[in-house]
Amino acid sequence: MSKTSLSREDTDRLVAKIKTYFNTELDQEIGGFEAEFLIEFFAKEIGPSFYNQGLSDAQTIFSEKTDEVYYSLQELEKPLA
């Protein structure tokens, strides 16, 4: 799996959300620098689990859709005389 990084816009949006969360839910101030470290930590530590789950979900959907196409093609078969 290749390393991916978030765009600056996405990072800034997440930093703002983390800062708001810490302030409202934990009654603690957190700086942007600390919030970015949290993002990096979560991306490294739990990101692969979400990534793998996404792949698994995509594989399931692909398999279901492939089965649908297979059955649709079977319905098009003409009876042999």
Protein backbone atom coordinates (compact mmCIF):
# COMPACT_ATOMS: atom_id res chain seq x y z
CA MET A 1 0.00 0.00 0.00
CA SER A 2 1.41 3.35 -0.97
CA LYS A 3 1.54 6.25 1.47
CA THR A 4 -1.08 8.88 0.83
CA SER A 5 -1.36 12.32 2.29
CA LEU A 6 -4.23 14.69 2.75
CA SER A 7 -4.49 17.92 0.83
CA ARG A 8 -3.75 21.11 2.73
CA GLU A 9 -7.45 21.99 2.51
CA ASP A 10 -8.51 18.65 4.03
CA THR A 11 -5.87 18.91 6.74
CA ASP A 12 -6.98 22.42 7.67
CA ARG A 13 -10.62 21.30 7.80
CA LEU A 14 -9.75 18.36 10.06
CA VAL A 15 -7.55 20.50 12.30
CA ALA A 16 -10.47 22.89 12.84
CA LYS A 17 -12.78 19.97 13.68
CA ILE A 18 -10.30 18.47 16.14
CA LYS A 19 -9.76 21.82 17.84
CA THR A 20 -13.53 22.31 18.14
CA TYR A 21 -14.00 18.78 19.48
CA PHE A 22 -11.32 19.20 22.14
CA ASN A 23 -12.76 22.55 23.16
CA THR A 24 -16.45 21.56 23.33
CA GLU A 25 -16.26 17.91 24.39
CA LEU A 26 -13.12 17.83 26.53
CA ASP A 27 -13.00 21.46 27.63
CA GLN A 28 -9.36 21.65 26.52
CA GLU A 29 -7.57 23.93 24.12
CA ILE A 30 -5.43 22.28 21.47
CA GLY A 31 -3.25 24.04 18.94
CA GLY A 32 -3.14 23.44 15.23
CA PHE A 33 0.29 21.85 15.47
CA GLU A 34 -0.93 19.30 18.02
CA ALA A 35 -4.07 18.61 16.01
CA GLU A 36 -1.96 17.86 12.92
CA PHE A 37 0.11 15.39 14.95
CA LEU A 38 -3.12 13.69 16.03
CA ILE A 39 -4.22 13.43 12.40
CA GLU A 40 -0.88 11.87 11.45
CA PHE A 41 -1.09 9.46 14.39
CA PHE A 42 -4.61 8.32 13.55
CA ALA A 43 -3.80 8.05 9.85
CA LYS A 44 -0.81 5.84 10.65
CA GLU A 45 -2.38 3.75 13.40
CA ILE A 46 -6.02 3.28 12.36
CA GLY A 47 -6.00 4.41 8.74
CA PRO A 48 -5.01 0.95 7.45
CA SER A 49 -7.99 -0.64 9.22
CA PHE A 50 -10.41 1.76 7.53
CA TYR A 51 -8.62 1.30 4.21
CA ASN A 52 -8.80 -2.49 4.45
CA GLN A 53 -12.48 -2.34 5.43
CA GLY A 54 -13.14 -0.13 2.40
CA LEU A 55 -11.43 -2.66 0.15
CA SER A 56 -13.44 -5.47 1.69
CA ASP A 57 -16.70 -3.55 1.22
CA ALA A 58 -15.79 -2.79 -2.40
CA GLN A 59 -14.96 -6.45 -3.03
CA THR A 60 -18.32 -7.52 -1.60
CA ILE A 61 -20.20 -5.03 -3.78
CA PHE A 62 -18.21 -6.05 -6.85
CA SER A 63 -18.96 -9.71 -6.19
CA GLU A 64 -22.68 -9.02 -5.74
CA LYS A 65 -22.83 -6.97 -8.96
CA THR A 66 -20.90 -9.66 -10.84
CA ASP A 67 -23.43 -12.27 -9.66
CA GLU A 68 -26.27 -10.02 -10.85
CA VAL A 69 -24.71 -9.75 -14.31
CA TYR A 70 -24.15 -13.51 -14.42
CA TYR A 71 -27.79 -14.25 -13.58
CA SER A 72 -29.01 -11.61 -16.04
CA LEU A 73 -26.98 -13.25 -18.79
CA GLN A 74 -28.34 -16.67 -17.88
CA GLU A 75 -31.88 -15.34 -18.27
CA LEU A 76 -31.04 -14.29 -21.85
CA GLU A 77 -30.13 -17.82 -22.90
CA LYS A 78 -32.39 -19.40 -25.46
CA PRO A 79 -33.62 -22.96 -24.92
CA LEU A 80 -31.92 -25.55 -27.07
CA ALA A 81 -34.20 -27.39 -29.50
